[in-house]
Amino acid sequence: MAKNDIQFRIKRNLRARVNRCVRGMVKNGSAVKDLGCTVEKLKKYLEKQFYSNSKTGESMTWENYGLYGWHIDHVKPLISFDLSDREQFLKACNYTNLQPLWAQDNLAKGHKIL
């Protein structure tokens, strides 16, 4: 299998793991361990960064988290890491590399660092 295919699969799985954690579907295990903090600490860390949508004035809440609300973004994009390297993988998925972004802002950001 090509390296890019492996990178894609790891990125997809990492995004899904973070999503399951904040939705309360995972309480412990490697997904939480790799974040470098508890799920509760991650949620508080993200909440401290919540902001209002500049276009609509809507505030970020856990109720509007998701596809059409806000996303959990990787500050340094996953594409900039070699996710098959354990040390880089842990840096990529550490909670300090996560931030809330409105869906439209996250999609516009793409693979860039803001």
C-alpha atoms as a PDB file:
ATOM      1  CA  MET A   1       0.000   0.000   0.000  1.00  0.00           C
ATOM      2  CA  ALA A   2       1.332   3.459  -0.849  1.00  0.00           C
ATOM      3  CA  LYS A   3       2.435   5.823   1.928  1.00  0.00           C
ATOM      4  CA  ASN A   4      -0.255   8.338   0.934  1.00  0.00           C
ATOM      5  CA  ASP A   5      -2.948   5.689   1.355  1.00  0.00           C
ATOM      6  CA  ILE A   6      -1.664   4.955   4.856  1.00  0.00           C
ATOM      7  CA  GLN A   7      -1.537   8.671   5.689  1.00  0.00           C
ATOM      8  CA  PHE A   8      -5.117   9.082   4.444  1.00  0.00           C
ATOM      9  CA  ARG A   9      -6.376   6.182   6.556  1.00  0.00           C
ATOM     10  CA  ILE A  10      -4.600   7.436   9.673  1.00  0.00           C
ATOM     11  CA  LYS A  11      -5.992  10.976   9.161  1.00  0.00           C
ATOM     12  CA  ARG A  12      -9.518   9.643   8.663  1.00  0.00           C
ATOM     13  CA  ASN A  13      -9.276   7.469  11.765  1.00  0.00           C
ATOM     14  CA  LEU A  14      -7.778  10.269  13.860  1.00  0.00           C
ATOM     15  CA  ARG A  15     -10.585  12.667  12.938  1.00  0.00           C
ATOM     16  CA  ALA A  16     -13.189  10.021  13.778  1.00  0.00           C
ATOM     17  CA  ARG A  17     -11.544   9.292  17.136  1.00  0.00           C
ATOM     18  CA  VAL A  18     -11.574  12.953  18.189  1.00  0.00           C
ATOM     19  CA  ASN A  19     -15.195  13.245  17.064  1.00  0.00           C
ATOM     20  CA  ARG A  20     -16.239  10.201  19.123  1.00  0.00           C
ATOM     21  CA  CYS A  21     -14.407  11.525  22.188  1.00  0.00           C
ATOM     22  CA  VAL A  22     -16.168  14.888  22.296  1.00  0.00           C
ATOM     23  CA  ARG A  23     -19.538  13.301  21.603  1.00  0.00           C
ATOM     24  CA  GLY A  24     -19.082  11.128  24.708  1.00  0.00           C
ATOM     25  CA  MET A  25     -18.793   7.868  22.807  1.00  0.00           C
ATOM     26  CA  VAL A  26     -15.287   7.137  24.178  1.00  0.00           C
ATOM     27  CA  LYS A  27     -14.348   7.582  27.832  1.00  0.00           C
ATOM     28  CA  ASN A  28     -10.815   6.176  27.851  1.00  0.00           C
ATOM     29  CA  GLY A  29      -8.422   4.083  25.832  1.00  0.00           C
ATOM     30  CA  SER A  30      -5.832   5.014  23.239  1.00  0.00           C
ATOM     31  CA  ALA A  31      -7.989   7.678  21.568  1.00  0.00           C
ATOM     32  CA  VAL A  32      -8.156   9.661  24.803  1.00  0.00           C
ATOM     33  CA  LYS A  33      -4.603   8.808  25.844  1.00  0.00           C
ATOM     34  CA  ASP A  34      -3.210  10.149  22.566  1.00  0.00           C
ATOM     35  CA  LEU A  35      -4.971  13.501  23.135  1.00  0.00           C
ATOM     36  CA  GLY A  36      -2.712  14.141  26.122  1.00  0.00           C
ATOM     37  CA  CYS A  37      -5.632  15.004  28.398  1.00  0.00           C
ATOM     38  CA  THR A  38      -9.019  13.776  29.564  1.00  0.00           C
ATOM     39  CA  VAL A  39     -12.139  14.274  27.461  1.00  0.00           C
ATOM     40  CA  GLU A  40     -13.404  16.741  30.077  1.00  0.00           C
ATOM     41  CA  LYS A  41     -10.207  18.799  29.821  1.00  0.00           C
ATOM     42  CA  LEU A  42     -10.412  18.734  26.010  1.00  0.00           C
ATOM     43  CA  LYS A  43     -13.983  20.015  26.091  1.00  0.00           C
ATOM     44  CA  LYS A  44     -13.063  22.822  28.507  1.00  0.00           C
ATOM     45  CA  TYR A  45     -10.006  23.672  26.400  1.00  0.00           C
ATOM     46  CA  LEU A  46     -12.190  23.985  23.292  1.00  0.00           C
ATOM     47  CA  GLU A  47     -14.955  25.880  25.142  1.00  0.00           C
ATOM     48  CA  LYS A  48     -12.448  28.562  26.189  1.00  0.00           C
ATOM     49  CA  GLN A  49     -11.869  29.188  22.478  1.00  0.00           C
ATOM     50  CA  PHE A  50     -15.547  29.350  21.432  1.00  0.00           C
ATOM     51  CA  TYR A  51     -16.417  32.488  19.490  1.00  0.00           C
ATOM     52  CA  SER A  52     -19.374  33.977  17.637  1.00  0.00           C
ATOM     53  CA  ASN A  53     -19.864  33.449  13.924  1.00  0.00           C
ATOM     54  CA  SER A  54     -18.935  36.718  12.193  1.00  0.00           C
ATOM     55  CA  LYS A  55     -21.647  36.240   9.552  1.00  0.00           C
ATOM     56  CA  THR A  56     -24.584  35.120  11.707  1.00  0.00           C
ATOM     57  CA  GLY A  57     -23.672  36.169  15.251  1.00  0.00           C
ATOM     58  CA  GLU A  58     -24.396  32.614  16.415  1.00  0.00           C
ATOM     59  CA  SER A  59     -22.326  31.474  19.407  1.00  0.00           C
ATOM     60  CA  MET A  60     -20.556  28.122  19.465  1.00  0.00           C
ATOM     61  CA  THR A  61     -22.187  25.510  21.691  1.00  0.00           C
ATOM     62  CA  TRP A  62     -21.987  21.738  21.900  1.00  0.00           C
ATOM     63  CA  GLU A  63     -25.469  21.671  20.378  1.00  0.00           C
ATOM     64  CA  ASN A  64     -24.266  23.280  17.132  1.00  0.00           C
ATOM     65  CA  TYR A  65     -21.066  21.226  16.881  1.00  0.00           C
ATOM     66  CA  GLY A  66     -20.931  19.218  13.679  1.00  0.00           C
ATOM     67  CA  LEU A  67     -21.318  19.289   9.935  1.00  0.00           C
ATOM     68  CA  TYR A  68     -23.213  22.602   9.580  1.00  0.00           C
ATOM     69  CA  GLY A  69     -22.116  24.273  12.815  1.00  0.00           C
ATOM     70  CA  TRP A  70     -18.527  24.263  13.957  1.00  0.00           C
ATOM     71  CA  HIS A  71     -15.736  21.716  13.529  1.00  0.00           C
ATOM     72  CA  ILE A  72     -12.732  20.662  15.564  1.00  0.00           C
ATOM     73  CA  ASP A  73      -9.790  21.805  13.478  1.00  0.00           C
ATOM     74  CA  HIS A  74      -6.149  20.800  13.691  1.00  0.00           C
ATOM     75  CA  VAL A  75      -4.170  24.036  14.113  1.00  0.00           C
ATOM     76  CA  LYS A  76      -1.215  22.469  12.318  1.00  0.00           C
ATOM     77  CA  PRO A  77      -2.864  20.407   9.563  1.00  0.00           C
ATOM     78  CA  LEU A  78      -2.536  16.633   9.666  1.00  0.00           C
ATOM     79  CA  ILE A  79      -1.010  16.685   6.190  1.00  0.00           C
ATOM     80  CA  SER A  80       2.077  18.399   7.644  1.00  0.00           C
ATOM     81  CA  PHE A  81       2.883  15.360   9.831  1.00  0.00           C
ATOM     82  CA  ASP A  82       4.206  11.905   9.009  1.00  0.00           C
ATOM     83  CA  LEU A  83       1.448  10.110  10.874  1.00  0.00           C
ATOM     84  CA  SER A  84       3.186   6.756  10.563  1.00  0.00           C
ATOM     85  CA  ASP A  85       5.875   8.152  12.927  1.00  0.00           C
ATOM     86  CA  ARG A  86       4.607   7.731  16.512  1.00  0.00           C
ATOM     87  CA  GLU A  87       6.223  10.937  17.797  1.00  0.00           C
ATOM     88  CA  GLN A  88       4.715  13.044  15.001  1.00  0.00           C
ATOM     89  CA  PHE A  89       1.377  11.255  15.399  1.00  0.00           C
ATOM     90  CA  LEU A  90       1.249  12.236  19.088  1.00  0.00           C
ATOM     91  CA  LYS A  91       2.042  15.876  18.246  1.00  0.00           C
ATOM     92  CA  ALA A  92      -0.654  15.899  15.569  1.00  0.00           C
ATOM     93  CA  CYS A  93      -3.396  14.574  17.825  1.00  0.00           C
ATOM     94  CA  ASN A  94      -2.414  16.397  21.033  1.00  0.00           C
ATOM     95  CA  TYR A  95      -5.258  18.541  22.331  1.00  0.00           C
ATOM     96  CA  THR A  96      -3.104  21.680  21.997  1.00  0.00           C
ATOM     97  CA  ASN A  97      -3.195  21.165  18.223  1.00  0.00           C
ATOM     98  CA  LEU A  98      -7.001  21.391  18.228  1.00  0.00           C
ATOM     99  CA  GLN A  99      -9.264  24.426  17.963  1.00  0.00           C
ATOM    100  CA  PRO A 100     -12.921  25.120  17.232  1.00  0.00           C
ATOM    101  CA  LEU A 101     -13.626  26.677  13.823  1.00  0.00           C
ATOM    102  CA  TRP A 102     -16.927  27.405  12.137  1.00  0.00           C
ATOM    103  CA  ALA A 103     -17.556  24.924   9.337  1.00  0.00           C
ATOM    104  CA  GLN A 104     -17.211  27.502   6.560  1.00  0.00           C
ATOM    105  CA  ASP A 105     -13.944  28.811   8.059  1.00  0.00           C
ATOM    106  CA  ASN A 106     -12.544  25.309   8.485  1.00  0.00           C
ATOM    107  CA  LEU A 107     -13.403  24.327   4.921  1.00  0.00           C
ATOM    108  CA  ALA A 108     -11.881  27.565   3.597  1.00  0.00           C
ATOM    109  CA  LYS A 109      -8.744  26.997   5.683  1.00  0.00           C
ATOM    110  CA  GLY A 110      -8.081  23.631   4.102  1.00  0.00           C
ATOM    111  CA  HIS A 111      -4.523  22.496   4.792  1.00  0.00           C
ATOM    112  CA  LYS A 112      -3.238  25.922   5.830  1.00  0.00           C
ATOM    113  CA  ILE A 113      -2.152  27.221   9.224  1.00  0.00           C
ATOM    114  CA  LEU A 114      -4.061  30.368  10.201  1.00  0.00           C
END
